[in-house]
Amino acid sequence: MDWMISQKMNAEQMTLFLSQVSAAHPEDFIVMVLDGASSHKAKDLRRPDNIRFLALPPMPLNLTPRSICGMSFEKRNSRTGSSTTSPP
């Protein structure tokens, strides 16, 4: 796992992070999953040759665990016969 702490996130910092990841894994081909933040798609972002991006589709702002599952925990637990009505 690669990470970097920065006081701001912009294309310059994202480029620095990508360079750090590329240098740490020079023999690897890296597919990085990104959420579409502005620093991930800035025009002046420089991507090393051994890194490719996979962008997630836009997600609604009101996304919750229940909406991801498509049903409430109560409904799911009633199907399995569980008496628990809240997530573990």
Protein backbone atom coordinates (compact mmCIF):
# COMPACT_ATOMS: atom_id res chain seq x y z
CA MET A 1 0.00 0.00 0.00
CA ASP A 2 1.37 3.38 -0.96
CA TRP A 3 0.31 6.65 0.60
CA MET A 4 1.35 10.26 0.99
CA ILE A 5 0.34 12.97 3.45
CA SER A 6 -0.17 16.39 1.95
CA GLN A 7 -1.68 19.64 3.20
CA LYS A 8 -3.50 20.12 -0.09
CA MET A 9 -4.61 18.01 -3.01
CA ASN A 10 -4.12 19.32 -6.50
CA ALA A 11 -2.61 18.17 -9.79
CA GLU A 12 0.92 18.95 -8.59
CA GLN A 13 0.52 16.85 -5.43
CA MET A 14 -1.21 14.04 -7.32
CA THR A 15 1.63 13.99 -9.85
CA LEU A 16 4.13 13.81 -6.99
CA PHE A 17 2.20 10.89 -5.47
CA LEU A 18 2.06 9.04 -8.79
CA SER A 19 5.81 9.51 -9.23
CA GLN A 20 6.36 8.13 -5.72
CA VAL A 21 4.21 5.05 -6.45
CA SER A 22 5.88 4.49 -9.82
CA ALA A 23 9.38 4.72 -8.30
CA ALA A 24 8.43 2.28 -5.51
CA HIS A 25 7.18 -0.28 -8.08
CA PRO A 26 9.30 0.22 -11.23
CA GLU A 27 8.77 -3.31 -12.56
CA ASP A 28 5.00 -3.36 -11.97
CA PHE A 29 2.08 -2.27 -14.11
CA ILE A 30 -0.31 -0.43 -11.78
CA VAL A 31 -4.04 0.06 -12.27
CA MET A 32 -5.19 2.79 -9.92
CA VAL A 33 -8.91 3.12 -9.16
CA LEU A 34 -9.89 6.78 -8.85
CA ASP A 35 -13.09 8.47 -7.75
CA GLY A 36 -13.04 11.35 -10.23
CA ALA A 37 -11.76 14.10 -7.92
CA SER A 38 -10.58 17.18 -9.78
CA SER A 39 -6.92 16.38 -9.04
CA HIS A 40 -7.38 12.97 -10.69
CA LYS A 41 -8.39 14.43 -14.03
CA ALA A 42 -6.56 17.77 -14.18
CA LYS A 43 -5.11 18.68 -17.56
CA ASP A 44 -1.62 19.25 -16.10
CA LEU A 45 -1.56 15.90 -14.24
CA ARG A 46 1.42 13.80 -15.31
CA ARG A 47 0.95 10.03 -15.19
CA PRO A 48 3.99 7.71 -15.23
CA ASP A 49 4.08 5.11 -18.02
CA ASN A 50 3.57 2.17 -15.65
CA ILE A 51 0.33 3.55 -14.15
CA ARG A 52 -3.13 3.49 -15.74
CA PHE A 53 -6.33 4.93 -14.30
CA LEU A 54 -9.67 3.22 -13.85
CA ALA A 55 -12.30 5.84 -13.02
CA LEU A 56 -15.33 4.93 -10.95
CA PRO A 57 -18.68 6.10 -12.33
CA PRO A 58 -20.13 9.17 -10.59
CA MET A 59 -21.87 8.28 -7.33
CA PRO A 60 -24.92 10.10 -5.90
CA LEU A 61 -24.11 12.40 -2.99
CA ASN A 62 -26.71 10.71 -0.75
CA LEU A 63 -25.10 7.27 -0.98
CA THR A 64 -25.54 5.17 2.17
CA PRO A 65 -24.76 1.53 3.04
CA ARG A 66 -28.47 0.79 2.76
CA SER A 67 -28.78 2.28 -0.70
CA ILE A 68 -25.69 0.39 -1.85
CA CYS A 69 -27.18 -2.93 -0.74
CA GLY A 70 -30.53 -2.11 -2.29
CA MET A 71 -32.45 -3.02 0.86
CA SER A 72 -32.46 -2.23 4.52
CA PHE A 73 -30.65 -4.40 7.05
CA GLU A 74 -34.01 -5.28 8.59
CA LYS A 75 -35.36 -6.70 5.32
CA ARG A 76 -32.17 -8.63 4.65
CA ASN A 77 -32.14 -10.12 8.16
CA SER A 78 -35.81 -11.09 7.93
CA ARG A 79 -35.02 -13.10 4.79
CA THR A 80 -32.29 -15.05 6.59
CA GLY A 81 -34.33 -15.59 9.75
CA SER A 82 -31.95 -13.53 11.88
CA SER A 83 -33.43 -11.70 14.84
CA THR A 84 -30.87 -8.90 14.58
CA THR A 85 -32.31 -5.71 13.14
CA SER A 86 -29.16 -3.60 12.93
CA PRO A 87 -25.81 -4.01 11.23
CA PRO A 88 -23.08 -5.79 13.21
